[in-house]
Amino acid sequence: MVSHRAAAELLGIWDKRAVLVDVISGNQSGRRIQGICWHRAPYPLPDEIGIVDGIPCTSVARTIVDLAGMLGDRSLRQAVEQAAVRGTLDLTEMDRAIARAARRRGIPTLRSILSTWRPYRITPKVRSRLESKFLRLAAEAGLSRPAVNAVLVLEGHRLEIDFLWEEERLAIETDGEETHGTPAAFQRDRWRDQVLLAAGYRSGRVTWRQIADEPAGVIMRIRRTLAG
């Protein structure tokens, strides 16, 4: 069964190309095969098995648990965030897989990474890694929990807001260049800001560069806005 990095690539939660094909086998003996990396790991239980394009592989939860033992904090966090973007991060399944592997290396780090998503009853569906990074930043800073990709109907239009603090009437949008860097997107974003302002909402925009270069400044400004 395909596992670890190869399974993560197959499942779309790993943005690197696996050099070797990682596998877990129920048979503990056999000859070495070039290009195959065999892992001495517990064979997945039925609920830890998935099929992608006809290929048997470990489930998203089991794959992330396996990765926890071989990846650093940053790479493991990226895998978790990408699972959230794809809508495949299920905390119930994660907890089940973690409980079965409680003594394995990397589990404490994985528990810490997952803490960002635990305040939500249902794992919020983020649409980009930028949204995921902002959500983590807000959670670590202790900001009140926003609604994620919330829908507002204003002036007869349906607006989907990346992060909405409804009580404080604050809407925050995360602007990635790939979706907000065109002239059409620029015009659309200015129109959205005007509609929100007319309805009594304050709005703000956060970029990838700001998250990377001045996270403390981003949080400070949002905290002050919420307080105001």
C-alpha atoms as a PDB file:
ATOM      1  CA  MET A   1       0.000   0.000   0.000  1.00  0.00           C
ATOM      2  CA  VAL A   2       1.340   3.447  -0.949  1.00  0.00           C
ATOM      3  CA  SER A   3       2.104   5.522   2.156  1.00  0.00           C
ATOM      4  CA  HIS A   4       4.008   8.457   3.647  1.00  0.00           C
ATOM      5  CA  ARG A   5       5.309  11.011   1.082  1.00  0.00           C
ATOM      6  CA  ALA A   6       4.088   9.066  -1.943  1.00  0.00           C
ATOM      7  CA  ALA A   7       0.581   8.830  -0.472  1.00  0.00           C
ATOM      8  CA  ALA A   8       0.640  12.534   0.397  1.00  0.00           C
ATOM      9  CA  GLU A   9       1.492  13.374  -3.214  1.00  0.00           C
ATOM     10  CA  LEU A  10      -1.243  11.050  -4.478  1.00  0.00           C
ATOM     11  CA  LEU A  11      -3.778  12.622  -2.095  1.00  0.00           C
ATOM     12  CA  GLY A  12      -2.810  16.153  -3.120  1.00  0.00           C
ATOM     13  CA  ILE A  13      -1.499  17.288   0.281  1.00  0.00           C
ATOM     14  CA  TRP A  14       2.195  17.289  -0.661  1.00  0.00           C
ATOM     15  CA  ASP A  15       3.586  19.792  -3.151  1.00  0.00           C
ATOM     16  CA  LYS A  16       6.858  17.960  -3.750  1.00  0.00           C
ATOM     17  CA  ARG A  17       7.508  15.036  -6.048  1.00  0.00           C
ATOM     18  CA  ALA A  18       8.339  11.896  -4.068  1.00  0.00           C
ATOM     19  CA  VAL A  19      11.699  10.514  -5.239  1.00  0.00           C
ATOM     20  CA  LEU A  20      10.881   7.037  -3.967  1.00  0.00           C
ATOM     21  CA  VAL A  21       7.567   5.239  -3.737  1.00  0.00           C
ATOM     22  CA  ASP A  22       6.868   4.793  -0.020  1.00  0.00           C
ATOM     23  CA  VAL A  23       4.942   1.636   0.852  1.00  0.00           C
ATOM     24  CA  ILE A  24       3.671  -0.261   3.874  1.00  0.00           C
ATOM     25  CA  SER A  25       3.291  -4.001   3.448  1.00  0.00           C
ATOM     26  CA  GLY A  26       1.465  -6.609   5.472  1.00  0.00           C
ATOM     27  CA  ASN A  27       4.323  -8.979   4.672  1.00  0.00           C
ATOM     28  CA  GLN A  28       7.396  -8.310   6.786  1.00  0.00           C
ATOM     29  CA  SER A  29       9.772 -10.198   4.502  1.00  0.00           C
ATOM     30  CA  GLY A  30      10.848  -9.938   0.869  1.00  0.00           C
ATOM     31  CA  ARG A  31      13.589  -8.602  -1.375  1.00  0.00           C
ATOM     32  CA  ARG A  32      14.514  -4.967  -1.886  1.00  0.00           C
ATOM     33  CA  ILE A  33      13.150  -3.327  -5.038  1.00  0.00           C
ATOM     34  CA  GLN A  34      14.864  -0.316  -6.563  1.00  0.00           C
ATOM     35  CA  GLY A  35      12.784   2.857  -6.249  1.00  0.00           C
ATOM     36  CA  ILE A  36      10.620   1.430  -3.455  1.00  0.00           C
ATOM     37  CA  CYS A  37      11.020   2.583   0.156  1.00  0.00           C
ATOM     38  CA  TRP A  38       9.512   0.042   2.538  1.00  0.00           C
ATOM     39  CA  HIS A  39       8.460   1.347   5.957  1.00  0.00           C
ATOM     40  CA  ARG A  40       8.341  -0.779   9.063  1.00  0.00           C
ATOM     41  CA  ALA A  41       5.056   0.672  10.281  1.00  0.00           C
ATOM     42  CA  PRO A  42       1.796  -0.859  11.543  1.00  0.00           C
ATOM     43  CA  TYR A  43      -0.357  -1.958   8.648  1.00  0.00           C
ATOM     44  CA  PRO A  44      -3.335   0.425   8.209  1.00  0.00           C
ATOM     45  CA  LEU A  45      -6.707  -0.591   9.611  1.00  0.00           C
ATOM     46  CA  PRO A  46      -9.701  -0.651   7.235  1.00  0.00           C
ATOM     47  CA  ASP A  47     -10.717   2.943   8.043  1.00  0.00           C
ATOM     48  CA  GLU A  48      -7.153   4.114   7.316  1.00  0.00           C
ATOM     49  CA  ILE A  49      -7.185   2.874   3.721  1.00  0.00           C
ATOM     50  CA  GLY A  50      -8.209   4.785   0.629  1.00  0.00           C
ATOM     51  CA  ILE A  51      -8.157   4.317  -3.135  1.00  0.00           C
ATOM     52  CA  VAL A  52      -6.964   7.092  -5.487  1.00  0.00           C
ATOM     53  CA  ASP A  53      -7.051   6.441  -9.242  1.00  0.00           C
ATOM     54  CA  GLY A  54      -7.241   2.730  -8.507  1.00  0.00           C
ATOM     55  CA  ILE A  55      -4.144   2.839  -6.290  1.00  0.00           C
ATOM     56  CA  PRO A  56      -4.487   1.666  -2.666  1.00  0.00           C
ATOM     57  CA  CYS A  57      -2.990   4.186  -0.280  1.00  0.00           C
ATOM     58  CA  THR A  58      -3.233   5.316   3.317  1.00  0.00           C
ATOM     59  CA  SER A  59      -6.038   7.743   4.183  1.00  0.00           C
ATOM     60  CA  VAL A  60      -5.385  11.452   4.668  1.00  0.00           C
ATOM     61  CA  ALA A  61      -5.422  11.126   8.465  1.00  0.00           C
ATOM     62  CA  ARG A  62      -3.117   8.101   8.536  1.00  0.00           C
ATOM     63  CA  THR A  63      -0.810   9.690   5.953  1.00  0.00           C
ATOM     64  CA  ILE A  64      -0.421  12.845   8.051  1.00  0.00           C
ATOM     65  CA  VAL A  65       0.315  10.746  11.146  1.00  0.00           C
ATOM     66  CA  ASP A  66       2.973   8.833   9.215  1.00  0.00           C
ATOM     67  CA  LEU A  67       4.472  12.081   7.909  1.00  0.00           C
ATOM     68  CA  ALA A  68       4.699  13.449  11.458  1.00  0.00           C
ATOM     69  CA  GLY A  69       7.513  11.001  12.146  1.00  0.00           C
ATOM     70  CA  MET A  70       9.648  12.119   9.218  1.00  0.00           C
ATOM     71  CA  LEU A  71       8.921  15.792   8.465  1.00  0.00           C
ATOM     72  CA  GLY A  72       9.886  18.969  10.228  1.00  0.00           C
ATOM     73  CA  ASP A  73       7.336  21.334  11.769  1.00  0.00           C
ATOM     74  CA  ARG A  74       7.054  23.572   8.680  1.00  0.00           C
ATOM     75  CA  SER A  75       6.575  20.773   6.121  1.00  0.00           C
ATOM     76  CA  LEU A  76       4.112  18.927   8.355  1.00  0.00           C
ATOM     77  CA  ARG A  77       2.095  22.111   8.866  1.00  0.00           C
ATOM     78  CA  GLN A  78       1.976  22.636   5.098  1.00  0.00           C
ATOM     79  CA  ALA A  79       0.556  19.127   4.618  1.00  0.00           C
ATOM     80  CA  VAL A  80      -2.149  19.791   7.231  1.00  0.00           C
ATOM     81  CA  GLU A  81      -2.985  23.168   5.676  1.00  0.00           C
ATOM     82  CA  GLN A  82      -3.210  21.668   2.202  1.00  0.00           C
ATOM     83  CA  ALA A  83      -5.587  18.982   3.507  1.00  0.00           C
ATOM     84  CA  ALA A  84      -7.743  21.787   4.934  1.00  0.00           C
ATOM     85  CA  VAL A  85      -7.707  23.590   1.578  1.00  0.00           C
ATOM     86  CA  ARG A  86      -8.808  20.398  -0.187  1.00  0.00           C
ATOM     87  CA  GLY A  87     -11.548  19.836   2.407  1.00  0.00           C
ATOM     88  CA  THR A  88     -10.095  16.509   3.513  1.00  0.00           C
ATOM     89  CA  LEU A  89      -8.918  17.464   7.011  1.00  0.00           C
ATOM     90  CA  ASP A  90     -11.248  15.587   9.377  1.00  0.00           C
ATOM     91  CA  LEU A  91     -10.372  16.096  13.046  1.00  0.00           C
ATOM     92  CA  THR A  92     -12.372  13.064  14.163  1.00  0.00           C
ATOM     93  CA  GLU A  93     -10.386  10.830  11.838  1.00  0.00           C
ATOM     94  CA  MET A  94      -7.171  12.584  12.828  1.00  0.00           C
ATOM     95  CA  ASP A  95      -7.835  11.949  16.523  1.00  0.00           C
ATOM     96  CA  ARG A  96      -8.570   8.295  15.815  1.00  0.00           C
ATOM     97  CA  ALA A  97      -5.318   7.875  13.889  1.00  0.00           C
ATOM     98  CA  ILE A  98      -3.334   9.782  16.523  1.00  0.00           C
ATOM     99  CA  ALA A  99      -4.747   7.631  19.350  1.00  0.00           C
ATOM    100  CA  ARG A 100      -3.481   4.528  17.565  1.00  0.00           C
ATOM    101  CA  ALA A 101      -0.042   6.072  17.152  1.00  0.00           C
ATOM    102  CA  ALA A 102       0.274   7.989  20.415  1.00  0.00           C
ATOM    103  CA  ARG A 103       3.841   6.793  21.063  1.00  0.00           C
ATOM    104  CA  ARG A 104       5.155   7.488  17.567  1.00  0.00           C
ATOM    105  CA  ARG A 105       7.629  10.258  16.858  1.00  0.00           C
ATOM    106  CA  GLY A 106       6.210  13.627  15.831  1.00  0.00           C
ATOM    107  CA  ILE A 107       2.792  13.175  17.433  1.00  0.00           C
ATOM    108  CA  PRO A 108       3.226  16.041  19.968  1.00  0.00           C
ATOM    109  CA  THR A 109       4.119  18.390  17.099  1.00  0.00           C
ATOM    110  CA  LEU A 110       1.102  17.227  15.111  1.00  0.00           C
ATOM    111  CA  ARG A 111      -1.209  17.798  18.088  1.00  0.00           C
ATOM    112  CA  SER A 112       0.104  21.362  18.350  1.00  0.00           C
ATOM    113  CA  ILE A 113      -0.454  22.017  14.634  1.00  0.00           C
ATOM    114  CA  LEU A 114      -4.021  20.717  14.813  1.00  0.00           C
ATOM    115  CA  SER A 115      -4.857  23.041  17.724  1.00  0.00           C
ATOM    116  CA  THR A 116      -5.586  25.824  15.209  1.00  0.00           C
ATOM    117  CA  TRP A 117      -8.607  23.919  13.908  1.00  0.00           C
ATOM    118  CA  ARG A 118     -10.013  22.593  17.190  1.00  0.00           C
ATOM    119  CA  PRO A 119     -12.120  25.627  18.233  1.00  0.00           C
ATOM    120  CA  TYR A 120     -14.387  24.887  15.259  1.00  0.00           C
ATOM    121  CA  ARG A 121     -17.064  22.221  15.587  1.00  0.00           C
ATOM    122  CA  ILE A 122     -16.612  21.456  11.896  1.00  0.00           C
ATOM    123  CA  THR A 123     -13.233  21.998  10.260  1.00  0.00           C
ATOM    124  CA  PRO A 124     -13.583  25.305   8.377  1.00  0.00           C
ATOM    125  CA  LYS A 125     -13.219  25.055   4.610  1.00  0.00           C
ATOM    126  CA  VAL A 126     -10.403  27.388   3.685  1.00  0.00           C
ATOM    127  CA  ARG A 127      -9.772  28.011   0.001  1.00  0.00           C
ATOM    128  CA  SER A 128      -6.038  28.714   0.010  1.00  0.00           C
ATOM    129  CA  ARG A 129      -2.927  28.239   2.091  1.00  0.00           C
ATOM    130  CA  LEU A 130      -2.935  32.007   2.662  1.00  0.00           C
ATOM    131  CA  GLU A 131      -6.314  31.698   4.396  1.00  0.00           C
ATOM    132  CA  SER A 132      -4.979  28.767   6.403  1.00  0.00           C
ATOM    133  CA  LYS A 133      -1.921  30.735   7.497  1.00  0.00           C
ATOM    134  CA  PHE A 134      -4.030  33.721   8.518  1.00  0.00           C
ATOM    135  CA  LEU A 135      -6.382  31.510  10.527  1.00  0.00           C
ATOM    136  CA  ARG A 136      -3.428  29.981  12.376  1.00  0.00           C
ATOM    137  CA  LEU A 137      -1.954  33.428  13.046  1.00  0.00           C
ATOM    138  CA  ALA A 138      -5.249  34.692  14.458  1.00  0.00           C
ATOM    139  CA  ALA A 139      -5.704  31.608  16.632  1.00  0.00           C
ATOM    140  CA  GLU A 140      -2.172  31.766  18.043  1.00  0.00           C
ATOM    141  CA  ALA A 141      -2.670  35.452  18.846  1.00  0.00           C
ATOM    142  CA  GLY A 142      -5.828  34.664  20.805  1.00  0.00           C
ATOM    143  CA  LEU A 143      -8.173  36.742  18.640  1.00  0.00           C
ATOM    144  CA  SER A 144     -11.862  35.956  18.912  1.00  0.00           C
ATOM    145  CA  ARG A 145     -12.886  33.270  16.425  1.00  0.00           C
ATOM    146  CA  PRO A 146     -14.070  34.591  13.052  1.00  0.00           C
ATOM    147  CA  ALA A 147     -16.527  32.952  10.700  1.00  0.00           C
ATOM    148  CA  VAL A 148     -14.590  31.515   7.753  1.00  0.00           C
ATOM    149  CA  ASN A 149     -15.817  32.130   4.201  1.00  0.00           C
ATOM    150  CA  ALA A 150     -19.050  33.536   5.565  1.00  0.00           C
ATOM    151  CA  VAL A 151     -21.853  34.592   3.215  1.00  0.00           C
ATOM    152  CA  LEU A 152     -23.442  38.036   3.351  1.00  0.00           C
ATOM    153  CA  VAL A 153     -26.277  39.169   1.082  1.00  0.00           C
ATOM    154  CA  LEU A 154     -25.939  42.913   0.564  1.00  0.00           C
ATOM    155  CA  GLU A 155     -27.660  45.083  -2.050  1.00  0.00           C
ATOM    156  CA  GLY A 156     -29.037  41.918  -3.583  1.00  0.00           C
ATOM    157  CA  HIS A 157     -25.549  40.469  -4.075  1.00  0.00           C
ATOM    158  CA  ARG A 158     -24.075  37.359  -2.432  1.00  0.00           C
ATOM    159  CA  LEU A 159     -20.668  38.152  -0.957  1.00  0.00           C
ATOM    160  CA  GLU A 160     -18.413  35.473   0.470  1.00  0.00           C
ATOM    161  CA  ILE A 161     -16.120  36.962   3.112  1.00  0.00           C
ATOM    162  CA  ASP A 162     -12.841  35.216   3.932  1.00  0.00           C
ATOM    163  CA  PHE A 163     -12.968  36.073   7.655  1.00  0.00           C
ATOM    164  CA  LEU A 164     -15.925  37.797   9.293  1.00  0.00           C
ATOM    165  CA  TRP A 165     -16.310  39.053  12.841  1.00  0.00           C
ATOM    166  CA  GLU A 166     -20.048  39.675  12.658  1.00  0.00           C
ATOM    167  CA  GLU A 167     -20.523  41.247  16.096  1.00  0.00           C
ATOM    168  CA  GLU A 168     -17.682  43.714  15.502  1.00  0.00           C
ATOM    169  CA  ARG A 169     -18.790  44.201  11.864  1.00  0.00           C
ATOM    170  CA  LEU A 170     -15.275  43.515  10.568  1.00  0.00           C
ATOM    171  CA  ALA A 171     -14.541  41.737   7.273  1.00  0.00           C
ATOM    172  CA  ILE A 172     -10.985  40.664   6.446  1.00  0.00           C
ATOM    173  CA  GLU A 173     -10.001  39.443   2.981  1.00  0.00           C
ATOM    174  CA  THR A 174      -6.752  37.608   2.222  1.00  0.00           C
ATOM    175  CA  ASP A 175      -5.441  38.754  -1.140  1.00  0.00           C
ATOM    176  CA  GLY A 176      -3.244  36.381  -3.104  1.00  0.00           C
ATOM    177  CA  GLU A 177      -1.703  37.678  -6.325  1.00  0.00           C
ATOM    178  CA  GLU A 178      -3.015  34.714  -8.314  1.00  0.00           C
ATOM    179  CA  THR A 179      -6.647  35.703  -7.703  1.00  0.00           C
ATOM    180  CA  HIS A 180      -6.461  39.403  -6.861  1.00  0.00           C
ATOM    181  CA  GLY A 181      -3.649  40.627  -9.113  1.00  0.00           C
ATOM    182  CA  THR A 182      -5.641  41.294 -12.284  1.00  0.00           C
ATOM    183  CA  PRO A 183      -7.316  44.597 -13.288  1.00  0.00           C
ATOM    184  CA  ALA A 184     -10.741  42.926 -13.151  1.00  0.00           C
ATOM    185  CA  ALA A 185     -10.062  41.617  -9.644  1.00  0.00           C
ATOM    186  CA  PHE A 186      -8.851  45.052  -8.555  1.00  0.00           C
ATOM    187  CA  GLN A 187     -12.144  46.636  -9.682  1.00  0.00           C
ATOM    188  CA  ARG A 188     -14.210  43.864  -8.087  1.00  0.00           C
ATOM    189  CA  ASP A 189     -12.391  44.181  -4.767  1.00  0.00           C
ATOM    190  CA  ARG A 190     -12.925  47.960  -4.622  1.00  0.00           C
ATOM    191  CA  TRP A 191     -16.633  47.436  -5.341  1.00  0.00           C
ATOM    192  CA  ARG A 192     -16.888  44.850  -2.556  1.00  0.00           C
ATOM    193  CA  ASP A 193     -15.222  47.227  -0.109  1.00  0.00           C
ATOM    194  CA  GLN A 194     -17.748  49.943  -0.965  1.00  0.00           C
ATOM    195  CA  VAL A 195     -20.724  47.604  -0.564  1.00  0.00           C
ATOM    196  CA  LEU A 196     -19.434  46.440   2.824  1.00  0.00           C
ATOM    197  CA  LEU A 197     -18.813  50.010   3.978  1.00  0.00           C
ATOM    198  CA  ALA A 198     -22.313  51.104   2.950  1.00  0.00           C
ATOM    199  CA  ALA A 199     -23.753  48.210   4.976  1.00  0.00           C
ATOM    200  CA  GLY A 200     -21.846  49.262   8.083  1.00  0.00           C
ATOM    201  CA  TYR A 201     -18.934  46.823   7.870  1.00  0.00           C
ATOM    202  CA  ARG A 202     -15.309  47.782   8.183  1.00  0.00           C
ATOM    203  CA  SER A 203     -13.091  45.869   5.782  1.00  0.00           C
ATOM    204  CA  GLY A 204      -9.398  45.147   5.566  1.00  0.00           C
ATOM    205  CA  ARG A 205      -7.066  43.242   3.267  1.00  0.00           C
ATOM    206  CA  VAL A 206      -4.089  41.052   4.168  1.00  0.00           C
ATOM    207  CA  THR A 207      -1.482  39.822   1.686  1.00  0.00           C
ATOM    208  CA  TRP A 208       0.884  36.856   1.703  1.00  0.00           C
ATOM    209  CA  ARG A 209       3.855  39.225   2.019  1.00  0.00           C
ATOM    210  CA  GLN A 210       2.364  40.876   5.091  1.00  0.00           C
ATOM    211  CA  ILE A 211       1.736  37.500   6.729  1.00  0.00           C
ATOM    212  CA  ALA A 212       5.329  36.469   5.989  1.00  0.00           C
ATOM    213  CA  ASP A 213       7.110  39.743   6.789  1.00  0.00           C
ATOM    214  CA  GLU A 214       5.093  41.434   9.542  1.00  0.00           C
ATOM    215  CA  PRO A 215       2.692  38.980  11.183  1.00  0.00           C
ATOM    216  CA  ALA A 216       2.832  40.847  14.507  1.00  0.00           C
ATOM    217  CA  GLY A 217       1.858  44.098  12.793  1.00  0.00           C
ATOM    218  CA  VAL A 218      -1.060  42.436  11.005  1.00  0.00           C
ATOM    219  CA  ILE A 219      -2.407  41.036  14.263  1.00  0.00           C
ATOM    220  CA  MET A 220      -1.883  44.297  16.157  1.00  0.00           C
ATOM    221  CA  ARG A 221      -3.912  46.262  13.612  1.00  0.00           C
ATOM    222  CA  ILE A 222      -6.736  43.726  13.529  1.00  0.00           C
ATOM    223  CA  ARG A 223      -6.808  43.567  17.320  1.00  0.00           C
ATOM    224  CA  ARG A 224      -7.105  47.357  17.518  1.00  0.00           C
ATOM    225  CA  THR A 225      -9.822  47.374  14.890  1.00  0.00           C
ATOM    226  CA  LEU A 226     -11.804  44.720  16.768  1.00  0.00           C
ATOM    227  CA  ALA A 227     -11.421  46.683  19.993  1.00  0.00           C
ATOM    228  CA  GLY A 228     -12.640  49.839  18.297  1.00  0.00           C
END
